[in-house]
Protein backbone atom coordinates (compact mmCIF):
# COMPACT_ATOMS: atom_id res chain seq x y z
CA MET A 1 113.24 175.56 152.23
CA ALA A 2 110.61 175.15 149.48
CA PRO A 3 108.07 172.32 149.87
CA GLY A 4 109.43 170.50 146.84
CA GLU A 5 112.87 170.38 148.50
CA LEU A 6 111.73 168.87 151.76
CA ARG A 7 113.02 165.39 152.54
CA HIS A 8 112.03 162.55 154.82
CA ARG A 9 114.14 161.85 157.87
CA PRO A 10 116.24 158.68 157.51
CA ILE A 11 114.38 155.41 158.09
CA ARG A 12 116.42 154.68 161.25
CA ASP A 13 115.45 158.07 162.62
CA LEU A 14 111.83 157.52 161.61
CA ILE A 15 111.71 154.28 163.61
CA GLY A 16 113.46 155.79 166.64
CA ASP A 17 111.39 158.96 166.60
CA THR A 18 108.16 156.93 166.33
CA PHE A 19 108.95 155.11 169.56
CA GLY A 20 110.17 158.40 171.02
CA VAL A 21 106.78 160.02 170.44
CA VAL A 22 105.01 157.01 171.95
CA GLY A 23 107.24 157.30 175.03
CA ARG A 24 106.73 161.06 175.46
CA ARG A 25 102.98 160.91 174.90
CA PHE A 26 102.45 157.53 176.47
CA ARG A 27 99.48 158.57 178.63
CA GLU A 28 97.50 159.99 175.73
CA ILE A 29 98.36 157.17 173.33
CA ALA A 30 97.63 154.50 176.00
CA VAL A 31 94.13 155.95 176.66
CA ILE A 32 93.38 156.15 172.94
CA ALA A 33 94.67 152.60 172.50
CA ILE A 34 92.35 151.35 175.23
CA VAL A 35 89.41 152.99 173.47
CA ALA A 36 90.57 151.53 170.18
CA ALA A 37 90.75 148.08 171.76
CA ALA A 38 87.24 148.36 173.18
CA VAL A 39 85.88 149.55 169.87
CA ALA A 40 87.63 146.72 167.99
CA VAL A 41 86.32 144.05 170.37
CA VAL A 42 82.75 145.33 170.35
CA SER A 43 82.82 145.59 166.55
CA LEU A 44 84.17 142.04 166.29
CA VAL A 45 81.46 140.71 168.66
CA ALA A 46 78.72 142.38 166.57
CA PHE A 47 80.18 141.10 163.32
CA THR A 48 80.71 137.57 164.63
CA SER A 49 77.16 137.43 166.02
CA ALA A 50 75.71 138.59 162.68
CA PHE A 51 77.80 136.04 160.77
CA ASP A 52 76.69 133.23 163.06
CA ILE A 53 73.03 134.12 162.55
CA ILE A 54 73.41 134.26 158.76
CA ASN A 55 75.38 131.01 158.76
CA GLU A 56 72.72 129.21 160.83
CA GLU A 57 69.77 130.52 158.89
CA ILE A 58 71.19 130.12 155.38
CA LEU A 59 74.33 128.02 154.95
CA GLU A 60 73.79 125.44 157.71
CA ASN A 61 70.04 125.26 157.19
CA PRO A 62 69.06 121.63 156.43
CA ARG A 63 66.71 122.89 153.75
CA PHE A 64 69.59 124.65 152.08
CA GLU A 65 71.59 121.42 152.07
CA GLU A 66 68.68 119.73 150.32
CA VAL A 67 68.71 122.46 147.67
CA MET A 68 72.48 121.95 147.19
CA ASP A 69 72.04 118.18 146.91
CA LEU A 70 69.45 118.64 144.18
CA THR A 71 71.74 121.12 142.41
CA ALA A 72 74.49 118.52 142.34
CA GLN A 73 72.26 115.94 140.63
CA GLU A 74 72.34 115.72 136.85
CA GLU A 75 68.60 115.32 136.37
CA VAL A 76 66.12 117.00 138.67
CA GLU A 77 62.50 117.79 138.12
CA SER A 78 61.92 121.52 138.06
CA GLU A 79 58.87 121.15 140.34
CA GLU A 80 60.97 119.25 142.92
CA PHE A 81 63.72 121.85 142.80
CA GLU A 82 61.31 124.77 143.11
CA ALA A 83 59.59 123.08 146.04
CA ALA A 84 62.93 122.60 147.76
CA VAL A 85 63.87 126.24 147.29
CA GLU A 86 60.49 127.37 148.54
CA ALA A 87 60.80 125.16 151.60
CA TRP A 88 64.23 126.61 152.31
CA LEU A 89 63.06 130.19 152.02
CA GLU A 90 60.05 129.48 154.28
CA SER A 91 62.34 127.92 156.90
CA ILE A 92 64.38 131.12 157.23
CA GLU A 93 63.40 133.25 160.20
CA GLY A 94 63.15 136.78 158.82
CA ASP A 95 63.43 138.38 162.21
CA ARG A 96 66.81 136.78 162.83
CA LEU A 97 68.10 138.00 159.47
CA VAL A 98 66.88 141.50 160.33
CA ASN A 99 68.78 141.29 163.61
CA ALA A 100 71.85 140.13 161.67
CA GLY A 101 71.55 143.16 159.40
CA LEU A 102 71.28 145.48 162.39
CA LEU A 103 74.35 143.87 163.96
CA LEU A 104 76.32 144.33 160.72
CA ALA A 105 75.30 147.96 160.58
CA ALA A 106 76.30 148.40 164.21
CA SER A 107 79.65 146.78 163.46
CA LEU A 108 80.22 149.24 160.61
CA LEU A 109 79.31 152.28 162.73
CA ILE A 110 81.49 151.10 165.62
CA GLY A 111 84.33 150.56 163.10
CA LEU A 112 84.04 154.23 162.17
CA LEU A 113 84.71 155.04 165.80
CA GLY A 114 87.92 153.03 165.38
CA TRP A 115 88.80 155.34 162.52
CA ALA A 116 88.42 158.25 164.92
CA THR A 117 91.03 156.67 167.23
CA THR A 118 93.49 156.51 164.30
CA ILE A 119 92.98 160.20 163.70
CA ALA A 120 93.41 160.88 167.40
CA PHE A 121 96.75 159.00 167.42
CA SER A 122 97.88 161.11 164.47
CA LEU A 123 96.86 164.37 166.13
CA VAL A 124 98.75 163.53 169.31
CA ALA A 125 101.85 162.76 167.25
CA LEU A 126 101.60 166.03 165.43
CA ASP A 127 101.24 167.89 168.72
CA ASP A 128 104.45 166.30 169.87
CA VAL A 129 106.30 167.28 166.67
CA GLU A 130 105.16 170.89 167.03
CA GLY A 131 105.77 171.04 170.78
CA ARG A 132 102.17 171.47 171.86
CA PRO A 133 100.54 169.81 174.84
CA SER A 134 98.06 167.07 173.97
CA ALA A 135 94.53 166.68 175.32
CA ILE A 136 92.72 163.38 174.91
CA GLY A 137 89.22 164.88 174.75
CA PRO A 138 89.91 167.39 171.93
CA ALA A 139 91.87 164.73 170.00
CA PHE A 140 88.84 162.41 170.11
CA ARG A 141 86.38 165.17 169.24
CA THR A 142 88.48 166.25 166.28
CA GLY A 143 88.91 162.65 165.23
CA LEU A 144 85.12 162.08 165.22
CA ALA A 145 84.57 165.33 163.32
CA ARG A 146 87.04 164.29 160.60
CA VAL A 147 85.74 160.74 160.16
CA PRO A 148 83.12 161.80 157.55
CA LYS A 149 85.88 163.50 155.53
CA ALA A 150 87.98 160.33 155.60
CA VAL A 151 84.93 158.24 154.64
CA LEU A 152 84.25 160.55 151.71
CA LEU A 153 87.83 160.21 150.57
CA GLY A 154 87.50 156.42 150.79
CA ILE A 155 84.33 156.56 148.65
CA VAL A 156 86.18 158.65 146.08
CA TYR A 157 88.98 156.12 145.90
CA LEU A 158 86.49 153.26 145.66
CA ALA A 159 84.78 155.00 142.71
CA MET A 160 88.16 155.53 141.07
CA LEU A 161 88.99 151.85 141.56
CA VAL A 162 85.74 150.77 139.94
CA ALA A 163 86.33 153.17 137.02
CA LEU A 164 89.87 151.82 136.66
CA LEU A 165 88.67 148.24 136.60
CA ILE A 166 86.07 149.11 133.96
CA ALA A 167 88.67 150.85 131.79
CA LEU A 168 91.11 147.96 132.17
CA GLY A 169 88.31 145.53 131.31
CA ILE A 170 87.50 147.44 128.13
CA ALA A 171 91.18 147.59 127.18
CA MET A 172 91.57 143.90 127.89
CA PHE A 173 88.61 143.08 125.64
CA VAL A 174 90.02 145.18 122.78
CA LEU A 175 93.54 143.67 123.13
CA SER A 176 92.04 140.15 123.41
CA LEU A 177 90.72 140.59 119.89
CA MET A 178 94.32 140.83 118.70
CA HIS A 179 95.62 137.97 120.88
CA PRO A 180 93.95 136.13 123.75
CA TYR A 181 96.94 136.37 126.09
CA LEU A 182 97.65 140.02 125.32
CA GLY A 183 94.44 141.22 126.98
CA VAL A 184 94.99 139.10 130.09
CA ALA A 185 98.62 140.22 130.41
CA PHE A 186 97.56 143.90 130.10
CA LEU A 187 94.90 143.44 132.82
CA VAL A 188 97.29 141.77 135.27
CA ILE A 189 100.06 144.30 134.62
CA GLY A 190 97.61 147.20 134.93
CA ILE A 191 96.12 146.03 138.24
CA VAL A 192 99.44 144.95 139.83
CA GLY A 193 101.26 148.07 138.60
CA THR A 194 98.53 150.41 139.89
CA VAL A 195 98.37 148.69 143.28
CA LEU A 196 102.12 148.57 143.75
CA TYR A 197 102.66 152.15 142.74
CA PHE A 198 99.69 154.03 144.20
CA MET A 199 98.60 152.06 147.29
CA PRO A 200 101.64 153.01 149.43
CA LEU A 201 101.14 156.66 148.40
CA VAL A 202 97.41 156.71 149.02
CA GLN A 203 97.80 156.35 152.81
CA MET A 204 99.51 159.76 152.90
CA HIS A 205 96.40 161.16 151.27
CA PHE A 206 94.32 159.90 154.16
CA VAL A 207 96.83 161.33 156.62
CA LEU A 208 96.12 164.71 155.00
CA ALA A 209 92.41 164.15 155.84
CA TYR A 210 93.36 163.31 159.42
CA LEU A 211 95.68 166.24 160.11
CA GLU A 212 94.39 169.15 158.01
CA PRO A 213 91.06 170.90 158.52
CA GLY A 214 89.93 171.08 154.87
CA PHE A 215 89.24 168.32 152.36
CA PRO A 216 92.50 166.98 150.93
CA TRP A 217 91.97 167.61 147.22
CA PHE A 218 94.22 165.63 144.89
CA PRO A 219 96.43 168.56 143.78
CA ARG A 220 97.22 169.27 147.43
CA TRP A 221 98.22 165.61 148.01
CA TRP A 222 100.36 165.53 144.88
CA ARG A 223 102.13 168.79 145.76
CA LEU A 224 102.81 167.47 149.25
CA LEU A 225 104.55 164.38 147.84
CA ALA A 226 106.48 166.56 145.35
CA ASP A 227 109.89 164.99 144.64
CA ASN A 228 109.62 162.65 147.58
CA LYS A 229 107.30 160.06 146.05
CA ALA A 230 109.91 157.32 145.93
CA ALA A 231 110.98 157.89 149.57
CA THR A 232 107.32 158.07 150.66
CA TRP A 233 106.51 154.90 148.74
CA GLY A 234 109.41 153.06 150.36
CA ARG A 235 108.56 154.09 153.92
CA SER A 236 104.86 153.38 153.41
CA ALA A 237 105.61 149.95 151.94
CA LEU A 238 107.95 149.28 154.88
CA ILE A 239 105.20 150.13 157.41
CA PHE A 240 102.73 147.95 155.54
CA LEU A 241 105.13 144.95 155.44
CA ALA A 242 105.93 145.38 159.12
CA ASN A 243 102.27 145.25 159.96
CA ILE A 244 101.81 142.13 157.84
CA ALA A 245 104.81 140.43 159.39
CA VAL A 246 103.73 141.18 163.00
CA GLY A 247 100.16 140.17 162.20
CA LEU A 248 101.34 136.90 160.70
CA ILE A 249 103.56 136.12 163.68
CA LEU A 250 100.71 136.93 166.03
CA TRP A 251 98.24 134.80 164.03
CA LEU A 252 100.59 131.83 164.12
CA GLY A 253 101.12 132.30 167.83
CA LEU A 254 97.39 132.44 168.55
CA LEU A 255 96.46 129.36 166.49
CA ALA A 256 96.73 127.24 169.60
CA LEU A 257 93.98 129.27 171.33
CA PRO A 258 90.36 128.17 170.77
CA SER A 259 88.34 130.47 168.56
CA PRO A 260 87.36 133.25 168.97
CA TYR A 261 89.80 134.02 171.81
CA GLY A 262 92.70 134.46 169.44
CA ASP A 263 90.74 136.99 167.40
CA PHE A 264 89.80 138.90 170.53
CA ILE A 265 93.40 139.06 171.72
CA SER A 266 94.56 140.17 168.28
CA ASN A 267 91.97 142.92 168.05
CA ALA A 268 92.30 144.06 171.67
CA ILE A 269 96.10 144.07 171.91
CA ALA A 270 97.96 143.86 168.66
CA GLY A 271 95.54 145.99 166.60
CA PRO A 272 95.71 149.13 168.78
CA ILE A 273 99.45 148.86 169.24
CA LEU A 274 100.17 148.50 165.54
CA GLY A 275 97.60 151.17 164.78
CA ALA A 276 99.29 153.61 167.16
CA LEU A 277 102.79 152.98 165.81
CA SER A 278 101.64 153.26 162.20
CA ALA A 279 99.67 156.44 162.82
CA VAL A 280 102.61 158.06 164.62
CA ALA A 281 105.05 157.06 161.84
CA TYR A 282 102.77 158.49 159.12
CA SER A 283 102.32 161.70 161.10
CA LEU A 284 106.09 162.13 161.27
CA MET A 285 106.31 161.56 157.51
CA TYR A 286 103.59 164.17 157.00
CA ALA A 287 105.42 166.62 159.28
CA ASP A 288 108.59 166.13 157.21
CA LEU A 289 106.81 166.65 153.88
CA SER A 290 104.80 169.65 155.04
CA GLY A 291 107.72 171.42 156.69
CA ARG A 292 106.05 171.22 160.13
CA SER A 293 108.92 169.10 161.56
CA ALA A 294 111.97 170.63 163.11
CA CYS A 295 114.06 167.55 162.00
C-alpha cells in the first residue's frame, strides 16, 4: 500500500490499542512514568523557589510598593520618584536574584529531561507495534540523544510563529487603513485559523523527531500526513481535549488541598499518566501513517 493511501485505525481501536500497549509494556512505562514524575516534581520545586525569591525581592518589596503608590498619584516630584526607585533597587539583594536565575535555569534543564521521558514512552510504544522487546536504558539514552533535535524543531516553530505574527501585523495595518475593523478581523481570523488548523498537526511533526533518527524536515512531515490530514487533525484534537478535560477535573478536585500540595500531586501523578497515554496514542498514529503498523 502506498504511503498516501495509508489510513488511521478507527478512534475506538486507537483508544483500545493505547491501553493495550500500556498493559503489555506496563513495567517499562511504569518505570519511565516514575522518572517523569520525579523530574516534574523537582522542576516544579526549582521553579516555585525561584518565583518565591523574585516575588519577595521585587513584587512584595515594601520599597516597590512605595514606587507603585507614587505612580498612582497624579502629581509627583521627579526627584521624589527617582529617589523611591533608587531606594527600591538598592533594597534588592542581587545574590538572591542570581540564585533565582540559577533555579530557573535548572528548572528548564530538568524540564528537558522530562521531554526525554516523552520520547522514551514513544519508543516503547513503537517497539510494541513492531513486536520488539523494550529496554528501559536504551529508551532513555535514545530519548536524551533526541532531545536537542526536538528543541531545535521547537525553535524553528517559534521563529515561524514570530514571522507569522509580524506578517499578520503588517497585513492588519494595511487593511486598517481601509477600515478599522477590517484589520482587526483579519488578525483574529488569521491567528485563530492558523492555530486551529496547524496546531493539532504540529504534534505529529514532533513525533517524527521522537521516533526517526534524522531531523524531520517539513517535506517529510507533509508527505507522512498525505491524505490523512483531516483524520490526524481530529485524533490530535481529541487527545488535546481529553488532556484538558482530565486536567480540569483534577484541578477542581485538588482545589481543596493547600498549595502547593495540589500542584505536586498533579505533576507527580496525573502528568506522567497523561503523558504516557498521549505518547502511546501518537506513536500508534505514526505507525499507521508510516506503514509500520500491522493494523
